[in-house]
Every structure is written in structure tokens, then in C-alpha cells.
Amino acid sequence: MRRKVLVAGIAALALAGGGIGVGVAASGGDDGDTRATGPGADRARAAALAHIPGGAATAVERDSEDGATWEVEVRRPDGTSVDVRLDDRFAVVAVEADGEDRDGERGD
């Protein structure tokens, strides 16, 4: 009986550790090239959309530019896109024309 409990405990720890690894891999670390998910990303999306009324969030990433923690790409009602950068408290620190718009290319 003790052995079963020990094996179950070890298996649970292994699964939890694997889940953490998958979460870090999905977020892409600090490179900002991979979409972020989870409660923090949801809060960042909501904060950015509150700042750009009528906009639609097309991507959320971790960020480190301009003192930001989050970057949310928002498509404005007129079709242009901006990057809304937010700090760790989800306050807006910068709003810039999306890099794809600056280059004349449209992503997605």
C-alpha cells in the first residue's frame, strides 16, 4: 500500500513538472516570438482592448521593450494594427504602429 502511494506521488510530481515545462515552452520564454496564453495573457488582452475601443486583439506575447512585460497586437476598427505594450501591472507603457504595418506587410 505504501509503495502505491509513493509511486502515485512520484508520478504526480513528474506530470506537474512536465506541465510546467510545456507551459514555459508554449510561452516561448522571453523571445516574444510565441503567443502567450493563460490568465496573465487574458488580463493583458483585456487591458489593451480597454485602451483601444472597438479593437480586436490578434496576438499576445511576452515583451521586454520600453519597460513592458506584455505586448498585445490590436487591430483597430479602421484596419490598422498597433502594438500595445503593458507593464507587469497591465498599465499601458507604449502604443506603436505594428511592425508589420510599418514594413508594409500584413501578417496572419
PDB file of N, CA and C in Angstrom:
ATOM      1  N   MET A   1       0.826  -1.191   0.000  1.00  0.00           N
ATOM      2  CA  MET A   1       0.000   0.000   0.000  1.00  0.00           C
ATOM      3  C   MET A   1       0.873   1.259   0.000  1.00  0.00           C
ATOM      4  N   ARG A   2       1.899   1.282   0.861  1.00  0.00           N
ATOM      5  CA  ARG A   2       2.787   2.438   0.896  1.00  0.00           C
ATOM      6  C   ARG A   2       3.480   2.650  -0.434  1.00  0.00           C
ATOM      7  N   ARG A   3       3.843   1.555  -1.073  1.00  0.00           N
ATOM      8  CA  ARG A   3       4.534   1.639  -2.357  1.00  0.00           C
ATOM      9  C   ARG A   3       3.640   2.287  -3.405  1.00  0.00           C
ATOM     10  N   LYS A   4       2.358   1.932  -3.424  1.00  0.00           N
ATOM     11  CA  LYS A   4       1.414   2.518  -4.386  1.00  0.00           C
ATOM     12  C   LYS A   4       1.289   4.020  -4.177  1.00  0.00           C
ATOM     13  N   VAL A   5       1.219   4.437  -2.923  1.00  0.00           N
ATOM     14  CA  VAL A   5       1.115   5.859  -2.620  1.00  0.00           C
ATOM     15  C   VAL A   5       2.387   6.574  -3.067  1.00  0.00           C
ATOM     16  N   LEU A   6       3.543   5.993  -2.811  1.00  0.00           N
ATOM     17  CA  LEU A   6       4.811   6.587  -3.210  1.00  0.00           C
ATOM     18  C   LEU A   6       4.913   6.699  -4.730  1.00  0.00           C
ATOM     19  N   VAL A   7       4.543   5.638  -5.433  1.00  0.00           N
ATOM     20  CA  VAL A   7       4.587   5.652  -6.896  1.00  0.00           C
ATOM     21  C   VAL A   7       3.615   6.699  -7.438  1.00  0.00           C
ATOM     22  N   ALA A   8       2.419   6.784  -6.862  1.00  0.00           N
ATOM     23  CA  ALA A   8       1.433   7.776  -7.306  1.00  0.00           C
ATOM     24  C   ALA A   8       1.954   9.190  -7.073  1.00  0.00           C
ATOM     25  N   GLY A   9       2.608   9.403  -5.939  1.00  0.00           N
ATOM     26  CA  GLY A   9       3.161  10.721  -5.636  1.00  0.00           C
ATOM     27  C   GLY A   9       4.260  11.115  -6.608  1.00  0.00           C
ATOM     28  N   ILE A  10       5.136  10.171  -6.908  1.00  0.00           N
ATOM     29  CA  ILE A  10       6.217  10.443  -7.867  1.00  0.00           C
ATOM     30  C   ILE A  10       5.643  10.720  -9.253  1.00  0.00           C
ATOM     31  N   ALA A  11       4.649   9.954  -9.649  1.00  0.00           N
ATOM     32  CA  ALA A  11       4.020  10.170 -10.953  1.00  0.00           C
ATOM     33  C   ALA A  11       3.366  11.547 -11.020  1.00  0.00           C
ATOM     34  N   ALA A  12       2.712  11.962  -9.943  1.00  0.00           N
ATOM     35  CA  ALA A  12       2.068  13.277  -9.911  1.00  0.00           C
ATOM     36  C   ALA A  12       3.105  14.390 -10.037  1.00  0.00           C
ATOM     37  N   LEU A  13       4.229  14.250  -9.330  1.00  0.00           N
ATOM     38  CA  LEU A  13       5.288  15.242  -9.430  1.00  0.00           C
ATOM     39  C   LEU A  13       5.871  15.312 -10.834  1.00  0.00           C
ATOM     40  N   ALA A  14       6.056  14.147 -11.452  1.00  0.00           N
ATOM     41  CA  ALA A  14       6.597  14.114 -12.811  1.00  0.00           C
ATOM     42  C   ALA A  14       5.647  14.799 -13.783  1.00  0.00           C
ATOM     43  N   LEU A  15       4.359  14.539 -13.645  1.00  0.00           N
ATOM     44  CA  LEU A  15       3.373  15.184 -14.527  1.00  0.00           C
ATOM     45  C   LEU A  15       3.328  16.682 -14.301  1.00  0.00           C
ATOM     46  N   ALA A  16       3.384  17.106 -13.045  1.00  0.00           N
ATOM     47  CA  ALA A  16       3.376  18.538 -12.749  1.00  0.00           C
ATOM     48  C   ALA A  16       4.611  19.207 -13.345  1.00  0.00           C
ATOM     49  N   GLY A  17       5.762  18.580 -13.201  1.00  0.00           N
ATOM     50  CA  GLY A  17       6.983  19.129 -13.775  1.00  0.00           C
ATOM     51  C   GLY A  17       6.915  19.205 -15.287  1.00  0.00           C
ATOM     52  N   GLY A  18       6.341  18.186 -15.905  1.00  0.00           N
ATOM     53  CA  GLY A  18       6.178  18.199 -17.364  1.00  0.00           C
ATOM     54  C   GLY A  18       5.231  19.288 -17.799  1.00  0.00           C
ATOM     55  N   GLY A  19       4.178  19.525 -17.024  1.00  0.00           N
ATOM     56  CA  GLY A  19       3.231  20.593 -17.348  1.00  0.00           C
ATOM     57  C   GLY A  19       3.873  21.959 -17.278  1.00  0.00           C
ATOM     58  N   ILE A  20       4.739  22.151 -16.281  1.00  0.00           N
ATOM     59  CA  ILE A  20       5.447  23.422 -16.172  1.00  0.00           C
ATOM     60  C   ILE A  20       6.351  23.615 -17.378  1.00  0.00           C
ATOM     61  N   GLY A  21       7.049  22.559 -17.780  1.00  0.00           N
ATOM     62  CA  GLY A  21       7.922  22.646 -18.956  1.00  0.00           C
ATOM     63  C   GLY A  21       7.151  22.971 -20.212  1.00  0.00           C
ATOM     64  N   VAL A  22       5.992  22.369 -20.372  1.00  0.00           N
ATOM     65  CA  VAL A  22       5.156  22.654 -21.542  1.00  0.00           C
ATOM     66  C   VAL A  22       4.689  24.094 -21.502  1.00  0.00           C
ATOM     67  N   GLY A  23       4.294  24.603 -20.320  1.00  0.00           N
ATOM     68  CA  GLY A  23       3.850  25.990 -20.201  1.00  0.00           C
ATOM     69  C   GLY A  23       4.948  26.969 -20.568  1.00  0.00           C
ATOM     70  N   VAL A  24       6.167  26.716 -20.126  1.00  0.00           N
ATOM     71  CA  VAL A  24       7.285  27.584 -20.472  1.00  0.00           C
ATOM     72  C   VAL A  24       7.568  27.503 -21.968  1.00  0.00           C
ATOM     73  N   ALA A  25       7.529  26.302 -22.536  1.00  0.00           N
ATOM     74  CA  ALA A  25       7.772  26.155 -23.972  1.00  0.00           C
ATOM     75  C   ALA A  25       6.693  26.861 -24.778  1.00  0.00           C
ATOM     76  N   ALA A  26       5.451  26.794 -24.341  1.00  0.00           N
ATOM     77  CA  ALA A  26       4.356  27.446 -25.075  1.00  0.00           C
ATOM     78  C   ALA A  26       4.477  28.954 -25.024  1.00  0.00           C
ATOM     79  N   SER A  27       5.010  29.483 -23.920  1.00  0.00           N
ATOM     80  CA  SER A  27       5.125  30.932 -23.823  1.00  0.00           C
ATOM     81  C   SER A  27       6.335  31.442 -24.595  1.00  0.00           C
ATOM     82  N   GLY A  28       7.260  30.560 -24.928  1.00  0.00           N
ATOM     83  CA  GLY A  28       8.412  30.956 -25.715  1.00  0.00           C
ATOM     84  C   GLY A  28       9.479  31.680 -24.923  1.00  0.00           C
ATOM     85  N   GLY A  29       9.379  31.661 -23.602  1.00  0.00           N
ATOM     86  CA  GLY A  29      10.380  32.352 -22.802  1.00  0.00           C
ATOM     87  C   GLY A  29      10.278  33.846 -23.006  1.00  0.00           C
ATOM     88  N   ASP A  30      11.414  34.543 -23.125  1.00  0.00           N
ATOM     89  CA  ASP A  30      11.416  35.992 -23.253  1.00  0.00           C
ATOM     90  C   ASP A  30      11.654  36.466 -24.677  1.00  0.00           C
ATOM     91  N   ASP A  31      11.645  35.552 -25.655  1.00  0.00           N
ATOM     92  CA  ASP A  31      11.964  35.991 -27.011  1.00  0.00           C
ATOM     93  C   ASP A  31      10.817  36.718 -27.685  1.00  0.00           C
ATOM     94  N   GLY A  32       9.582  36.621 -27.169  1.00  0.00           N
ATOM     95  CA  GLY A  32       8.464  37.364 -27.708  1.00  0.00           C
ATOM     96  C   GLY A  32       7.961  36.878 -29.045  1.00  0.00           C
ATOM     97  N   ASP A  33       8.437  35.723 -29.533  1.00  0.00           N
ATOM     98  CA  ASP A  33       8.015  35.246 -30.840  1.00  0.00           C
ATOM     99  C   ASP A  33       6.859  34.260 -30.765  1.00  0.00           C
ATOM    100  N   THR A  34       6.489  33.818 -29.583  1.00  0.00           N
ATOM    101  CA  THR A  34       5.456  32.813 -29.435  1.00  0.00           C
ATOM    102  C   THR A  34       4.290  33.401 -28.654  1.00  0.00           C
ATOM    103  N   ARG A  35       3.091  33.050 -29.049  1.00  0.00           N
ATOM    104  CA  ARG A  35       1.891  33.550 -28.390  1.00  0.00           C
ATOM    105  C   ARG A  35       1.857  33.130 -26.926  1.00  0.00           C
ATOM    106  N   ALA A  36       1.450  34.056 -26.066  1.00  0.00           N
ATOM    107  CA  ALA A  36       1.295  33.772 -24.644  1.00  0.00           C
ATOM    108  C   ALA A  36      -0.152  33.396 -24.370  1.00  0.00           C
ATOM    109  N   THR A  37      -0.348  32.518 -23.401  1.00  0.00           N
ATOM    110  CA  THR A  37      -1.687  32.107 -23.002  1.00  0.00           C
ATOM    111  C   THR A  37      -1.776  32.120 -21.484  1.00  0.00           C
ATOM    112  N   GLY A  38      -2.960  31.965 -20.965  1.00  0.00           N
ATOM    113  CA  GLY A  38      -3.158  31.885 -19.527  1.00  0.00           C
ATOM    114  C   GLY A  38      -3.783  33.143 -18.967  1.00  0.00           C
ATOM    115  N   PRO A  39      -3.948  33.178 -17.646  1.00  0.00           N
ATOM    116  CA  PRO A  39      -4.623  34.311 -17.009  1.00  0.00           C
ATOM    117  C   PRO A  39      -3.914  35.650 -17.229  1.00  0.00           C
ATOM    118  N   GLY A  40      -2.588  35.662 -17.191  1.00  0.00           N
ATOM    119  CA  GLY A  40      -1.859  36.908 -17.425  1.00  0.00           C
ATOM    120  C   GLY A  40      -2.080  37.428 -18.822  1.00  0.00           C
ATOM    121  N   ALA A  41      -2.043  36.541 -19.799  1.00  0.00           N
ATOM    122  CA  ALA A  41      -2.282  36.938 -21.187  1.00  0.00           C
ATOM    123  C   ALA A  41      -3.715  37.450 -21.359  1.00  0.00           C
ATOM    124  N   ASP A  42      -4.658  36.820 -20.675  1.00  0.00           N
ATOM    125  CA  ASP A  42      -6.052  37.273 -20.738  1.00  0.00           C
ATOM    126  C   ASP A  42      -6.200  38.677 -20.163  1.00  0.00           C
ATOM    127  N   ARG A  43      -5.513  38.946 -19.050  1.00  0.00           N
ATOM    128  CA  ARG A  43      -5.572  40.288 -18.448  1.00  0.00           C
ATOM    129  C   ARG A  43      -4.909  41.325 -19.350  1.00  0.00           C
ATOM    130  N   ALA A  44      -3.801  40.945 -19.980  1.00  0.00           N
ATOM    131  CA  ALA A  44      -3.124  41.860 -20.900  1.00  0.00           C
ATOM    132  C   ALA A  44      -4.030  42.189 -22.082  1.00  0.00           C
ATOM    133  N   ARG A  45      -4.687  41.177 -22.629  1.00  0.00           N
ATOM    134  CA  ARG A  45      -5.608  41.375 -23.748  1.00  0.00           C
ATOM    135  C   ARG A  45      -6.728  42.347 -23.348  1.00  0.00           C
ATOM    136  N   ALA A  46      -7.329  42.123 -22.185  1.00  0.00           N
ATOM    137  CA  ALA A  46      -8.426  42.981 -21.720  1.00  0.00           C
ATOM    138  C   ALA A  46      -7.955  44.422 -21.512  1.00  0.00           C
ATOM    139  N   ALA A  47      -6.770  44.605 -20.935  1.00  0.00           N
ATOM    140  CA  ALA A  47      -6.241  45.955 -20.700  1.00  0.00           C
ATOM    141  C   ALA A  47      -5.977  46.675 -22.017  1.00  0.00           C
ATOM    142  N   ALA A  48      -5.420  45.970 -22.988  1.00  0.00           N
ATOM    143  CA  ALA A  48      -5.131  46.586 -24.288  1.00  0.00           C
ATOM    144  C   ALA A  48      -6.421  46.972 -25.004  1.00  0.00           C
ATOM    145  N   LEU A  49      -7.413  46.100 -24.954  1.00  0.00           N
ATOM    146  CA  LEU A  49      -8.683  46.395 -25.623  1.00  0.00           C
ATOM    147  C   LEU A  49      -9.430  47.535 -24.933  1.00  0.00           C
ATOM    148  N   ALA A  50      -9.239  47.696 -23.639  1.00  0.00           N
ATOM    149  CA  ALA A  50      -9.846  48.824 -22.937  1.00  0.00           C
ATOM    150  C   ALA A  50      -9.208  50.137 -23.398  1.00  0.00           C
ATOM    151  N   HIS A  51      -7.945  50.066 -23.807  1.00  0.00           N
ATOM    152  CA  HIS A  51      -7.220  51.256 -24.274  1.00  0.00           C
ATOM    153  C   HIS A  51      -7.524  51.587 -25.742  1.00  0.00           C
ATOM    154  N   ILE A  52      -7.898  50.578 -26.522  1.00  0.00           N
ATOM    155  CA  ILE A  52      -8.211  50.771 -27.947  1.00  0.00           C
ATOM    156  C   ILE A  52      -9.676  50.347 -28.156  1.00  0.00           C
ATOM    157  N   PRO A  53     -10.623  51.232 -27.882  1.00  0.00           N
ATOM    158  CA  PRO A  53     -12.040  50.874 -28.010  1.00  0.00           C
ATOM    159  C   PRO A  53     -12.387  50.382 -29.420  1.00  0.00           C
ATOM    160  N   GLY A  54     -13.135  49.302 -29.478  1.00  0.00           N
ATOM    161  CA  GLY A  54     -13.560  48.744 -30.759  1.00  0.00           C
ATOM    162  C   GLY A  54     -12.515  47.885 -31.436  1.00  0.00           C
ATOM    163  N   GLY A  55     -11.341  47.750 -30.815  1.00  0.00           N
ATOM    164  CA  GLY A  55     -10.275  46.952 -31.410  1.00  0.00           C
ATOM    165  C   GLY A  55     -10.471  45.467 -31.177  1.00  0.00           C
ATOM    166  N   ALA A  56      -9.658  44.681 -31.873  1.00  0.00           N
ATOM    167  CA  ALA A  56      -9.665  43.223 -31.715  1.00  0.00           C
ATOM    168  C   ALA A  56      -8.227  42.762 -31.501  1.00  0.00           C
ATOM    169  N   ALA A  57      -7.992  42.054 -30.413  1.00  0.00           N
ATOM    170  CA  ALA A  57      -6.645  41.547 -30.123  1.00  0.00           C
ATOM    171  C   ALA A  57      -6.353  40.374 -31.047  1.00  0.00           C
ATOM    172  N   THR A  58      -5.237  40.441 -31.748  1.00  0.00           N
ATOM    173  CA  THR A  58      -4.868  39.366 -32.663  1.00  0.00           C
ATOM    174  C   THR A  58      -3.708  38.529 -32.144  1.00  0.00           C
ATOM    175  N   ALA A  59      -2.970  39.036 -31.133  1.00  0.00           N
ATOM    176  CA  ALA A  59      -1.863  38.272 -30.566  1.00  0.00           C
ATOM    177  C   ALA A  59      -1.474  38.868 -29.222  1.00  0.00           C
ATOM    178  N   VAL A  60      -1.029  38.006 -28.312  1.00  0.00           N
ATOM    179  CA  VAL A  60      -0.494  38.427 -27.021  1.00  0.00           C
ATOM    180  C   VAL A  60       0.841  37.724 -26.856  1.00  0.00           C
ATOM    181  N   GLU A  61       1.868  38.504 -26.525  1.00  0.00           N
ATOM    182  CA  GLU A  61       3.209  37.951 -26.346  1.00  0.00           C
ATOM    183  C   GLU A  61       3.845  38.548 -25.109  1.00  0.00           C
ATOM    184  N   ARG A  62       4.843  37.856 -24.562  1.00  0.00           N
ATOM    185  CA  ARG A  62       5.677  38.435 -23.513  1.00  0.00           C
ATOM    186  C   ARG A  62       6.609  39.432 -24.200  1.00  0.00           C
ATOM    187  N   ASP A  63       6.979  40.495 -23.496  1.00  0.00           N
ATOM    188  CA  ASP A  63       7.767  41.556 -24.117  1.00  0.00           C
ATOM    189  C   ASP A  63       8.741  42.136 -23.107  1.00  0.00           C
ATOM    190  N   SER A  64       9.773  42.792 -23.589  1.00  0.00           N
ATOM    191  CA  SER A  64      10.713  43.458 -22.698  1.00  0.00           C
ATOM    192  C   SER A  64      11.128  44.817 -23.235  1.00  0.00           C
ATOM    193  N   GLU A  65      10.494  45.290 -24.288  1.00  0.00           N
ATOM    194  CA  GLU A  65      10.825  46.602 -24.848  1.00  0.00           C
ATOM    195  C   GLU A  65      10.096  47.710 -24.092  1.00  0.00           C
ATOM    196  N   ASP A  66      10.736  48.862 -23.984  1.00  0.00           N
ATOM    197  CA  ASP A  66      10.127  50.058 -23.389  1.00  0.00           C
ATOM    198  C   ASP A  66       9.628  49.828 -21.966  1.00  0.00           C
ATOM    199  N   GLY A  67      10.262  48.940 -21.208  1.00  0.00           N
ATOM    200  CA  GLY A  67       9.845  48.669 -19.844  1.00  0.00           C
ATOM    201  C   GLY A  67       8.579  47.832 -19.755  1.00  0.00           C
ATOM    202  N   ALA A  68       8.213  47.173 -20.841  1.00  0.00           N
ATOM    203  CA  ALA A  68       6.979  46.387 -20.880  1.00  0.00           C
ATOM    204  C   ALA A  68       7.210  44.944 -20.443  1.00  0.00           C
ATOM    205  N   THR A  69       6.122  44.311 -20.076  1.00  0.00           N
ATOM    206  CA  THR A  69       6.101  42.889 -19.759  1.00  0.00           C
ATOM    207  C   THR A  69       5.267  42.139 -20.789  1.00  0.00           C
ATOM    208  N   TRP A  70       4.265  42.813 -21.331  1.00  0.00           N
ATOM    209  CA  TRP A  70       3.339  42.222 -22.302  1.00  0.00           C
ATOM    210  C   TRP A  70       3.266  43.074 -23.550  1.00  0.00           C
ATOM    211  N   GLU A  71       3.028  42.422 -24.692  1.00  0.00           N
ATOM    212  CA  GLU A  71       2.739  43.119 -25.944  1.00  0.00           C
ATOM    213  C   GLU A  71       1.481  42.492 -26.524  1.00  0.00           C
ATOM    214  N   VAL A  72       0.502  43.345 -26.807  1.00  0.00           N
ATOM    215  CA  VAL A  72      -0.746  42.875 -27.398  1.00  0.00           C
ATOM    216  C   VAL A  72      -0.902  43.562 -28.749  1.00  0.00           C
ATOM    217  N   GLU A  73      -1.017  42.770 -29.793  1.00  0.00           N
ATOM    218  CA  GLU A  73      -1.274  43.325 -31.119  1.00  0.00           C
ATOM    219  C   GLU A  73      -2.780  43.521 -31.245  1.00  0.00           C
ATOM    220  N   VAL A  74      -3.170  44.754 -31.563  1.00  0.00           N
ATOM    221  CA  VAL A  74      -4.588  45.090 -31.662  1.00  0.00           C
ATOM    222  C   VAL A  74      -4.872  45.656 -33.043  1.00  0.00           C
ATOM    223  N   ARG A  75      -5.892  45.095 -33.685  1.00  0.00           N
ATOM    224  CA  ARG A  75      -6.360  45.631 -34.965  1.00  0.00           C
ATOM    225  C   ARG A  75      -7.465  46.629 -34.661  1.00  0.00           C
ATOM    226  N   ARG A  76      -7.226  47.884 -35.045  1.00  0.00           N
ATOM    227  CA  ARG A  76      -8.203  48.953 -34.828  1.00  0.00           C
ATOM    228  C   ARG A  76      -9.396  48.780 -35.765  1.00  0.00           C
ATOM    229  N   PRO A  77     -10.500  49.436 -35.468  1.00  0.00           N
ATOM    230  CA  PRO A  77     -11.674  49.347 -36.345  1.00  0.00           C
ATOM    231  C   PRO A  77     -11.387  49.790 -37.785  1.00  0.00           C
ATOM    232  N   ASP A  78     -10.390  50.682 -37.981  1.00  0.00           N
ATOM    233  CA  ASP A  78     -10.060  51.129 -39.339  1.00  0.00           C
ATOM    234  C   ASP A  78      -9.162  50.149 -40.094  1.00  0.00           C
ATOM    235  N   GLY A  79      -8.794  49.037 -39.445  1.00  0.00           N
ATOM    236  CA  GLY A  79      -7.984  48.007 -40.105  1.00  0.00           C
ATOM    237  C   GLY A  79      -6.489  48.100 -39.838  1.00  0.00           C
ATOM    238  N   THR A  80      -6.022  49.203 -39.282  1.00  0.00           N
ATOM    239  CA  THR A  80      -4.603  49.305 -38.946  1.00  0.00           C
ATOM    240  C   THR A  80      -4.337  48.550 -37.656  1.00  0.00           C
ATOM    241  N   SER A  81      -3.092  48.166 -37.454  1.00  0.00           N
ATOM    242  CA  SER A  81      -2.716  47.435 -36.250  1.00  0.00           C
ATOM    243  C   SER A  81      -1.710  48.226 -35.434  1.00  0.00           C
ATOM    244  N   VAL A  82      -1.823  48.092 -34.121  1.00  0.00           N
ATOM    245  CA  VAL A  82      -0.863  48.702 -33.202  1.00  0.00           C
ATOM    246  C   VAL A  82      -0.415  47.647 -32.204  1.00  0.00           C
ATOM    247  N   ASP A  83       0.780  47.845 -31.662  1.00  0.00           N
ATOM    248  CA  ASP A  83       1.283  47.027 -30.574  1.00  0.00           C
ATOM    249  C   ASP A  83       1.077  47.828 -29.300  1.00  0.00           C
ATOM    250  N   VAL A  84       0.300  47.280 -28.392  1.00  0.00           N
ATOM    251  CA  VAL A  84       0.082  47.910 -27.093  1.00  0.00           C
ATOM    252  C   VAL A  84       0.994  47.209 -26.099  1.00  0.00           C
ATOM    253  N   ARG A  85       1.935  47.950 -25.528  1.00  0.00           N
ATOM    254  CA  ARG A  85       2.869  47.386 -24.557  1.00  0.00           C
ATOM    255  C   ARG A  85       2.389  47.737 -23.159  1.00  0.00           C
ATOM    256  N   LEU A  86       2.388  46.717 -22.288  1.00  0.00           N
ATOM    257  CA  LEU A  86       1.885  46.858 -20.926  1.00  0.00           C
ATOM    258  C   LEU A  86       2.952  46.447 -19.925  1.00  0.00           C
ATOM    259  N   ASP A  87       2.934  47.077 -18.747  1.00  0.00           N
ATOM    260  CA  ASP A  87       3.886  46.673 -17.711  1.00  0.00           C
ATOM    261  C   ASP A  87       3.335  45.487 -16.926  1.00  0.00           C
ATOM    262  N   ASP A  88       4.039  45.098 -15.879  1.00  0.00           N
ATOM    263  CA  ASP A  88       3.639  43.920 -15.104  1.00  0.00           C
ATOM    264  C   ASP A  88       2.343  44.127 -14.317  1.00  0.00           C
ATOM    265  N   ARG A  89       1.865  45.372 -14.256  1.00  0.00           N
ATOM    266  CA  ARG A  89       0.579  45.663 -13.601  1.00  0.00           C
ATOM    267  C   ARG A  89      -0.513  45.929 -14.632  1.00  0.00           C
ATOM    268  N   PHE A  90      -0.212  45.648 -15.896  1.00  0.00           N
ATOM    269  CA  PHE A  90      -1.140  45.774 -17.011  1.00  0.00           C
ATOM    270  C   PHE A  90      -1.508  47.226 -17.324  1.00  0.00           C
ATOM    271  N   ALA A  91      -0.604  48.143 -16.988  1.00  0.00           N
ATOM    272  CA  ALA A  91      -0.759  49.545 -17.357  1.00  0.00           C
ATOM    273  C   ALA A  91      -0.055  49.760 -18.696  1.00  0.00           C
ATOM    274  N   VAL A  92      -0.635  50.580 -19.559  1.00  0.00           N
ATOM    275  CA  VAL A  92      -0.065  50.847 -20.879  1.00  0.00           C
ATOM    276  C   VAL A  92       1.205  51.673 -20.723  1.00  0.00           C
ATOM    277  N   VAL A  93       2.296  51.208 -21.345  1.00  0.00           N
ATOM    278  CA  VAL A  93       3.551  51.957 -21.335  1.00  0.00           C
ATOM    279  C   VAL A  93       3.883  52.508 -22.716  1.00  0.00           C
ATOM    280  N   ALA A  94       3.311  51.936 -23.770  1.00  0.00           N
ATOM    281  CA  ALA A  94       3.556  52.431 -25.127  1.00  0.00           C
ATOM    282  C   ALA A  94       2.522  51.852 -26.081  1.00  0.00           C
ATOM    283  N   VAL A  95       2.189  52.642 -27.100  1.00  0.00           N
ATOM    284  CA  VAL A  95       1.351  52.177 -28.207  1.00  0.00           C
ATOM    285  C   VAL A  95       2.085  52.596 -29.471  1.00  0.00           C
ATOM    286  N   GLU A  96       2.409  51.599 -30.299  1.00  0.00           N
ATOM    287  CA  GLU A  96       3.182  51.865 -31.516  1.00  0.00           C
ATOM    288  C   GLU A  96       2.514  51.214 -32.707  1.00  0.00           C
ATOM    289  N   ALA A  97       2.744  51.785 -33.882  1.00  0.00           N
ATOM    290  CA  ALA A  97       2.288  51.124 -35.105  1.00  0.00           C
ATOM    291  C   ALA A  97       2.903  49.731 -35.139  1.00  0.00           C
ATOM    292  N   ASP A  98       2.110  48.745 -35.498  1.00  0.00           N
ATOM    293  CA  ASP A  98       2.605  47.370 -35.558  1.00  0.00           C
ATOM    294  C   ASP A  98       3.745  47.286 -36.550  1.00  0.00           C
ATOM    295  N   GLY A  99       4.775  46.512 -36.217  1.00  0.00           N
ATOM    296  CA  GLY A  99       5.943  46.351 -37.084  1.00  0.00           C
ATOM    297  C   GLY A  99       5.583  45.888 -38.471  1.00  0.00           C
ATOM    298  N   GLU A 100       4.571  45.033 -38.595  1.00  0.00           N
ATOM    299  CA  GLU A 100       4.162  44.553 -39.915  1.00  0.00           C
ATOM    300  C   GLU A 100       3.551  45.681 -40.722  1.00  0.00           C
ATOM    301  N   ASP A 101       2.806  46.585 -40.067  1.00  0.00           N
ATOM    302  CA  ASP A 101       2.244  47.730 -40.766  1.00  0.00           C
ATOM    303  C   ASP A 101       3.346  48.685 -41.203  1.00  0.00           C
ATOM    304  N   ARG A 102       4.376  48.861 -40.359  1.00  0.00           N
ATOM    305  CA  ARG A 102       5.479  49.762 -40.709  1.00  0.00           C
ATOM    306  C   ARG A 102       6.229  49.252 -41.925  1.00  0.00           C
ATOM    307  N   ASP A 103       6.327  47.926 -42.078  1.00  0.00           N
ATOM    308  CA  ASP A 103       7.053  47.359 -43.203  1.00  0.00           C
ATOM    309  C   ASP A 103       6.186  47.224 -44.443  1.00  0.00           C
ATOM    310  N   GLY A 104       4.905  47.558 -44.332  1.00  0.00           N
ATOM    311  CA  GLY A 104       4.023  47.439 -45.470  1.00  0.00           C
ATOM    312  C   GLY A 104       3.507  46.026 -45.692  1.00  0.00           C
ATOM    313  N   GLU A 105       3.752  45.115 -44.732  1.00  0.00           N
ATOM    314  CA  GLU A 105       3.295  43.742 -44.861  1.00  0.00           C
ATOM    315  C   GLU A 105       2.174  43.500 -43.865  1.00  0.00           C
ATOM    316  N   ARG A 106       1.294  42.607 -44.189  1.00  0.00           N
ATOM    317  CA  ARG A 106       0.238  42.203 -43.281  1.00  0.00           C
ATOM    318  C   ARG A 106       0.470  40.780 -42.882  1.00  0.00           C
ATOM    319  N   GLY A 107       0.471  40.524 -41.579  1.00  0.00           N
ATOM    320  CA  GLY A 107       0.684  39.157 -41.101  1.00  0.00           C
ATOM    321  C   GLY A 107      -0.586  38.361 -41.086  1.00  0.00           C
ATOM    322  N   ASP A 108      -0.491  37.121 -40.567  1.00  0.00           N
ATOM    323  CA  ASP A 108      -1.589  36.172 -40.406  1.00  0.00           C
ATOM    324  C   ASP A 108      -1.884  35.592 -41.713  1.00  0.00           C
TER     325      ASP A 108
END
